[in-house]
């Protein structure tokens, strides 16, 4: 399982390599997104887009997840 943090805010931005206009450096943001995609692919990981409400239910509930 990979948590996106701020590398992507919604599934649409993740899947289409979109960068918010408020990001400081677009090229660095795209490079980070590309690295994240490669890691997810190589690990065959489930990607959780943390800012996307559609992914909240994919996370185990607290406090059980902390055990």
PDB file of N, CA and C in Angstrom:
ATOM      1  N   UNK A   1       0.850  -1.165   0.000  1.00  0.00           N
ATOM      2  CA  UNK A   1       0.000   0.000   0.000  1.00  0.00           C
ATOM      3  C   UNK A   1       0.900   1.234   0.000  1.00  0.00           C
ATOM      4  N   UNK A   2       0.619   2.155  -0.910  1.00  0.00           N
ATOM      5  CA  UNK A   2       1.342   3.427  -0.978  1.00  0.00           C
ATOM      6  C   UNK A   2       0.374   4.569  -0.728  1.00  0.00           C
ATOM      7  N   UNK A   3       0.761   5.456   0.185  1.00  0.00           N
ATOM      8  CA  UNK A   3      -0.036   6.644   0.472  1.00  0.00           C
ATOM      9  C   UNK A   3       0.520   7.803  -0.335  1.00  0.00           C
ATOM     10  N   UNK A   4      -0.336   8.506  -1.028  1.00  0.00           N
ATOM     11  CA  UNK A   4       0.114   9.540  -1.954  1.00  0.00           C
ATOM     12  C   UNK A   4       0.661  10.791  -1.283  1.00  0.00           C
ATOM     13  N   UNK A   5       0.230  11.065  -0.064  1.00  0.00           N
ATOM     14  CA  UNK A   5       0.630  12.342   0.530  1.00  0.00           C
ATOM     15  C   UNK A   5       0.147  13.462  -0.377  1.00  0.00           C
ATOM     16  N   UNK A   6       1.035  14.390  -0.715  1.00  0.00           N
ATOM     17  CA  UNK A   6       0.654  15.501  -1.585  1.00  0.00           C
ATOM     18  C   UNK A   6       1.124  15.339  -3.021  1.00  0.00           C
ATOM     19  N   UNK A   7       1.616  14.141  -3.385  1.00  0.00           N
ATOM     20  CA  UNK A   7       2.059  13.956  -4.772  1.00  0.00           C
ATOM     21  C   UNK A   7       0.871  14.018  -5.736  1.00  0.00           C
ATOM     22  N   UNK A   8      -0.311  13.661  -5.243  1.00  0.00           N
ATOM     23  CA  UNK A   8      -1.541  13.757  -6.040  1.00  0.00           C
ATOM     24  C   UNK A   8      -2.695  13.990  -5.072  1.00  0.00           C
ATOM     25  N   UNK A   9      -3.640  14.816  -5.487  1.00  0.00           N
ATOM     26  CA  UNK A   9      -4.747  15.152  -4.595  1.00  0.00           C
ATOM     27  C   UNK A   9      -6.043  14.431  -4.939  1.00  0.00           C
ATOM     28  N   UNK A  10      -6.188  13.996  -6.165  1.00  0.00           N
ATOM     29  CA  UNK A  10      -7.392  13.289  -6.604  1.00  0.00           C
ATOM     30  C   UNK A  10      -6.971  12.220  -7.607  1.00  0.00           C
ATOM     31  N   UNK A  11      -7.818  11.232  -7.815  1.00  0.00           N
ATOM     32  CA  UNK A  11      -7.502  10.181  -8.791  1.00  0.00           C
ATOM     33  C   UNK A  11      -7.250  10.762 -10.180  1.00  0.00           C
ATOM     34  N   UNK A  12      -8.018  11.783 -10.545  1.00  0.00           N
ATOM     35  CA  UNK A  12      -7.871  12.372 -11.875  1.00  0.00           C
ATOM     36  C   UNK A  12      -6.484  12.997 -12.060  1.00  0.00           C
ATOM     37  N   UNK A  13      -5.979  13.642 -11.023  1.00  0.00           N
ATOM     38  CA  UNK A  13      -4.649  14.244 -11.149  1.00  0.00           C
ATOM     39  C   UNK A  13      -3.570  13.164 -11.186  1.00  0.00           C
ATOM     40  N   UNK A  14      -3.764  12.099 -10.424  1.00  0.00           N
ATOM     41  CA  UNK A  14      -2.799  10.999 -10.406  1.00  0.00           C
ATOM     42  C   UNK A  14      -2.773  10.277 -11.755  1.00  0.00           C
ATOM     43  N   UNK A  15      -3.932   9.939 -12.259  1.00  0.00           N
ATOM     44  CA  UNK A  15      -4.023   9.151 -13.497  1.00  0.00           C
ATOM     45  C   UNK A  15      -3.632   9.943 -14.733  1.00  0.00           C
ATOM     46  N   UNK A  16      -3.778  11.255 -14.693  1.00  0.00           N
ATOM     47  CA  UNK A  16      -3.494  12.085 -15.874  1.00  0.00           C
ATOM     48  C   UNK A  16      -2.243  12.950 -15.733  1.00  0.00           C
ATOM     49  N   UNK A  17      -1.448  12.694 -14.677  1.00  0.00           N
ATOM     50  CA  UNK A  17      -0.211  13.449 -14.445  1.00  0.00           C
ATOM     51  C   UNK A  17      -0.448  14.958 -14.455  1.00  0.00           C
ATOM     52  N   UNK A  18      -1.442  15.382 -13.696  1.00  0.00           N
ATOM     53  CA  UNK A  18      -1.764  16.797 -13.602  1.00  0.00           C
ATOM     54  C   UNK A  18      -1.163  17.379 -12.334  1.00  0.00           C
ATOM     55  N   UNK A  19      -0.710  18.608 -12.419  1.00  0.00           N
ATOM     56  CA  UNK A  19      -0.087  19.297 -11.293  1.00  0.00           C
ATOM     57  C   UNK A  19      -0.906  20.541 -10.976  1.00  0.00           C
ATOM     58  N   UNK A  20      -1.260  20.736  -9.704  1.00  0.00           N
ATOM     59  CA  UNK A  20      -1.999  21.944  -9.348  1.00  0.00           C
ATOM     60  C   UNK A  20      -1.203  23.206  -9.669  1.00  0.00           C
ATOM     61  N   UNK A  21      -1.895  24.260  -9.999  1.00  0.00           N
ATOM     62  CA  UNK A  21      -1.228  25.514 -10.357  1.00  0.00           C
ATOM     63  C   UNK A  21      -0.488  26.125  -9.180  1.00  0.00           C
ATOM     64  N   UNK A  22      -0.858  25.761  -7.956  1.00  0.00           N
ATOM     65  CA  UNK A  22      -0.201  26.337  -6.785  1.00  0.00           C
ATOM     66  C   UNK A  22       1.101  25.632  -6.413  1.00  0.00           C
ATOM     67  N   UNK A  23       1.442  24.533  -7.100  1.00  0.00           N
ATOM     68  CA  UNK A  23       2.726  23.869  -6.820  1.00  0.00           C
ATOM     69  C   UNK A  23       3.873  24.788  -7.198  1.00  0.00           C
ATOM     70  N   UNK A  24       4.925  24.775  -6.407  1.00  0.00           N
ATOM     71  CA  UNK A  24       6.053  25.684  -6.591  1.00  0.00           C
ATOM     72  C   UNK A  24       6.836  25.401  -7.859  1.00  0.00           C
ATOM     73  N   UNK A  25       7.108  24.125  -8.124  1.00  0.00           N
ATOM     74  CA  UNK A  25       7.938  23.757  -9.274  1.00  0.00           C
ATOM     75  C   UNK A  25       7.266  22.619 -10.033  1.00  0.00           C
ATOM     76  N   UNK A  26       6.668  22.953 -11.167  1.00  0.00           N
ATOM     77  CA  UNK A  26       5.902  21.974 -11.941  1.00  0.00           C
ATOM     78  C   UNK A  26       6.759  20.793 -12.376  1.00  0.00           C
ATOM     79  N   UNK A  27       7.984  21.039 -12.845  1.00  0.00           N
ATOM     80  CA  UNK A  27       8.830  19.941 -13.333  1.00  0.00           C
ATOM     81  C   UNK A  27       9.219  18.993 -12.195  1.00  0.00           C
ATOM     82  N   UNK A  28       9.495  19.528 -11.008  1.00  0.00           N
ATOM     83  CA  UNK A  28       9.813  18.667  -9.870  1.00  0.00           C
ATOM     84  C   UNK A  28       8.579  17.883  -9.421  1.00  0.00           C
ATOM     85  N   UNK A  29       7.424  18.504  -9.478  1.00  0.00           N
ATOM     86  CA  UNK A  29       6.181  17.813  -9.126  1.00  0.00           C
ATOM     87  C   UNK A  29       5.918  16.662 -10.080  1.00  0.00           C
ATOM     88  N   UNK A  30       6.110  16.894 -11.374  1.00  0.00           N
ATOM     89  CA  UNK A  30       5.917  15.827 -12.355  1.00  0.00           C
ATOM     90  C   UNK A  30       6.933  14.708 -12.179  1.00  0.00           C
ATOM     91  N   UNK A  31       8.173  15.053 -11.835  1.00  0.00           N
ATOM     92  CA  UNK A  31       9.202  14.037 -11.594  1.00  0.00           C
ATOM     93  C   UNK A  31       8.823  13.178 -10.383  1.00  0.00           C
ATOM     94  N   UNK A  32       8.324  13.805  -9.332  1.00  0.00           N
ATOM     95  CA  UNK A  32       7.891  13.060  -8.148  1.00  0.00           C
ATOM     96  C   UNK A  32       6.725  12.140  -8.473  1.00  0.00           C
ATOM     97  N   UNK A  33       5.785  12.640  -9.239  1.00  0.00           N
ATOM     98  CA  UNK A  33       4.639  11.841  -9.644  1.00  0.00           C
ATOM     99  C   UNK A  33       5.081  10.656 -10.491  1.00  0.00           C
ATOM    100  N   UNK A  34       6.031  10.872 -11.383  1.00  0.00           N
ATOM    101  CA  UNK A  34       6.557   9.795 -12.216  1.00  0.00           C
ATOM    102  C   UNK A  34       7.244   8.723 -11.356  1.00  0.00           C
ATOM    103  N   UNK A  35       8.056   9.148 -10.406  1.00  0.00           N
ATOM    104  CA  UNK A  35       8.712   8.191  -9.500  1.00  0.00           C
ATOM    105  C   UNK A  35       7.676   7.396  -8.710  1.00  0.00           C
ATOM    106  N   UNK A  36       6.652   8.072  -8.239  1.00  0.00           N
ATOM    107  CA  UNK A  36       5.598   7.405  -7.473  1.00  0.00           C
ATOM    108  C   UNK A  36       4.899   6.355  -8.329  1.00  0.00           C
ATOM    109  N   UNK A  37       4.591   6.704  -9.576  1.00  0.00           N
ATOM    110  CA  UNK A  37       3.962   5.750 -10.503  1.00  0.00           C
ATOM    111  C   UNK A  37       4.847   4.512 -10.680  1.00  0.00           C
ATOM    112  N   UNK A  38       6.143   4.721 -10.862  1.00  0.00           N
ATOM    113  CA  UNK A  38       7.063   3.598 -11.065  1.00  0.00           C
ATOM    114  C   UNK A  38       7.155   2.710  -9.828  1.00  0.00           C
ATOM    115  N   UNK A  39       7.213   3.311  -8.654  1.00  0.00           N
ATOM    116  CA  UNK A  39       7.261   2.529  -7.422  1.00  0.00           C
ATOM    117  C   UNK A  39       5.989   1.707  -7.271  1.00  0.00           C
ATOM    118  N   UNK A  40       4.848   2.334  -7.503  1.00  0.00           N
ATOM    119  CA  UNK A  40       3.562   1.629  -7.396  1.00  0.00           C
ATOM    120  C   UNK A  40       3.499   0.462  -8.368  1.00  0.00           C
ATOM    121  N   UNK A  41       3.967   0.689  -9.582  1.00  0.00           N
ATOM    122  CA  UNK A  41       3.948  -0.364 -10.596  1.00  0.00           C
ATOM    123  C   UNK A  41       4.894  -1.502 -10.219  1.00  0.00           C
ATOM    124  N   UNK A  42       6.101  -1.171  -9.814  1.00  0.00           N
ATOM    125  CA  UNK A  42       7.087  -2.201  -9.472  1.00  0.00           C
ATOM    126  C   UNK A  42       6.668  -3.041  -8.273  1.00  0.00           C
ATOM    127  N   UNK A  43       6.003  -2.421  -7.319  1.00  0.00           N
ATOM    128  CA  UNK A  43       5.565  -3.140  -6.121  1.00  0.00           C
ATOM    129  C   UNK A  43       4.168  -3.735  -6.268  1.00  0.00           C
ATOM    130  N   UNK A  44       3.512  -3.420  -7.386  1.00  0.00           N
ATOM    131  CA  UNK A  44       2.113  -3.822  -7.573  1.00  0.00           C
ATOM    132  C   UNK A  44       1.282  -3.387  -6.357  1.00  0.00           C
ATOM    133  N   UNK A  45       1.525  -2.152  -5.943  1.00  0.00           N
ATOM    134  CA  UNK A  45       0.932  -1.612  -4.719  1.00  0.00           C
ATOM    135  C   UNK A  45      -0.460  -1.047  -4.953  1.00  0.00           C
ATOM    136  N   UNK A  46      -1.258  -1.089  -3.923  1.00  0.00           N
ATOM    137  CA  UNK A  46      -2.515  -0.365  -3.896  1.00  0.00           C
ATOM    138  C   UNK A  46      -2.178   1.077  -3.562  1.00  0.00           C
ATOM    139  N   UNK A  47      -2.612   1.995  -4.398  1.00  0.00           N
ATOM    140  CA  UNK A  47      -2.332   3.411  -4.192  1.00  0.00           C
ATOM    141  C   UNK A  47      -3.532   4.051  -3.502  1.00  0.00           C
ATOM    142  N   UNK A  48      -3.240   4.754  -2.421  1.00  0.00           N
ATOM    143  CA  UNK A  48      -4.267   5.492  -1.689  1.00  0.00           C
ATOM    144  C   UNK A  48      -4.017   6.973  -1.915  1.00  0.00           C
ATOM    145  N   UNK A  49      -4.974   7.637  -2.555  1.00  0.00           N
ATOM    146  CA  UNK A  49      -4.899   9.075  -2.760  1.00  0.00           C
ATOM    147  C   UNK A  49      -5.532   9.706  -1.519  1.00  0.00           C
ATOM    148  N   UNK A  50      -4.688  10.201  -0.638  1.00  0.00           N
ATOM    149  CA  UNK A  50      -5.145  10.598   0.693  1.00  0.00           C
ATOM    150  C   UNK A  50      -6.125  11.755   0.710  1.00  0.00           C
ATOM    151  N   UNK A  51      -6.071  12.641  -0.278  1.00  0.00           N
ATOM    152  CA  UNK A  51      -7.000  13.772  -0.292  1.00  0.00           C
ATOM    153  C   UNK A  51      -8.306  13.441  -1.001  1.00  0.00           C
ATOM    154  N   UNK A  52      -8.394  12.244  -1.570  1.00  0.00           N
ATOM    155  CA  UNK A  52      -9.587  11.858  -2.323  1.00  0.00           C
ATOM    156  C   UNK A  52     -10.521  11.064  -1.418  1.00  0.00           C
ATOM    157  N   UNK A  53     -11.704  11.594  -1.131  1.00  0.00           N
ATOM    158  CA  UNK A  53     -12.633  10.900  -0.226  1.00  0.00           C
ATOM    159  C   UNK A  53     -12.988   9.488  -0.681  1.00  0.00           C
ATOM    160  N   UNK A  54     -12.848   9.213  -1.970  1.00  0.00           N
ATOM    161  CA  UNK A  54     -13.176   7.880  -2.473  1.00  0.00           C
ATOM    162  C   UNK A  54     -12.223   6.814  -1.935  1.00  0.00           C
ATOM    163  N   UNK A  55     -11.072   7.211  -1.411  1.00  0.00           N
ATOM    164  CA  UNK A  55     -10.097   6.231  -0.924  1.00  0.00           C
ATOM    165  C   UNK A  55     -10.105   6.046   0.583  1.00  0.00           C
ATOM    166  N   UNK A  56     -10.862   6.817   1.305  1.00  0.00           N
ATOM    167  CA  UNK A  56     -10.866   6.747   2.767  1.00  0.00           C
ATOM    168  C   UNK A  56     -11.215   5.341   3.253  1.00  0.00           C
ATOM    169  N   UNK A  57     -12.192   4.717   2.640  1.00  0.00           N
ATOM    170  CA  UNK A  57     -12.621   3.384   3.084  1.00  0.00           C
ATOM    171  C   UNK A  57     -11.605   2.289   2.772  1.00  0.00           C
ATOM    172  N   UNK A  58     -10.604   2.582   1.969  1.00  0.00           N
ATOM    173  CA  UNK A  58      -9.555   1.599   1.683  1.00  0.00           C
ATOM    174  C   UNK A  58      -8.570   1.470   2.842  1.00  0.00           C
ATOM    175  N   UNK A  59      -8.551   2.475   3.718  1.00  0.00           N
ATOM    176  CA  UNK A  59      -7.624   2.471   4.842  1.00  0.00           C
ATOM    177  C   UNK A  59      -8.221   1.715   6.019  1.00  0.00           C
ATOM    178  N   UNK A  60      -7.396   0.947   6.732  1.00  0.00           N
ATOM    179  CA  UNK A  60      -7.916   0.271   7.920  1.00  0.00           C
ATOM    180  C   UNK A  60      -8.240   1.297   8.999  1.00  0.00           C
ATOM    181  N   UNK A  61      -9.261   1.049   9.787  1.00  0.00           N
ATOM    182  CA  UNK A  61      -9.659   2.027  10.809  1.00  0.00           C
ATOM    183  C   UNK A  61      -8.629   2.117  11.939  1.00  0.00           C
ATOM    184  N   UNK A  62      -8.530   3.283  12.523  1.00  0.00           N
ATOM    185  CA  UNK A  62      -7.699   3.494  13.686  1.00  0.00           C
ATOM    186  C   UNK A  62      -8.528   3.147  14.910  1.00  0.00           C
ATOM    187  N   UNK A  63      -8.025   2.543  15.925  1.00  0.00           N
ATOM    188  CA  UNK A  63      -6.627   2.265  16.232  1.00  0.00           C
ATOM    189  C   UNK A  63      -6.148   0.894  15.782  1.00  0.00           C
ATOM    190  N   UNK A  64      -7.042   0.084  15.221  1.00  0.00           N
ATOM    191  CA  UNK A  64      -6.635  -1.260  14.806  1.00  0.00           C
ATOM    192  C   UNK A  64      -5.463  -1.232  13.829  1.00  0.00           C
ATOM    193  N   UNK A  65      -5.427  -0.233  12.975  1.00  0.00           N
ATOM    194  CA  UNK A  65      -4.352  -0.140  11.976  1.00  0.00           C
ATOM    195  C   UNK A  65      -2.997   0.098  12.611  1.00  0.00           C
ATOM    196  N   UNK A  66      -2.977   0.652  13.811  1.00  0.00           N
ATOM    197  CA  UNK A  66      -1.705   0.967  14.477  1.00  0.00           C
ATOM    198  C   UNK A  66      -1.130  -0.230  15.222  1.00  0.00           C
ATOM    199  N   UNK A  67      -1.870  -1.311  15.322  1.00  0.00           N
ATOM    200  CA  UNK A  67      -1.392  -2.478  16.070  1.00  0.00           C
ATOM    201  C   UNK A  67      -0.415  -3.299  15.266  1.00  0.00           C
TER     202      UNK A  67
END
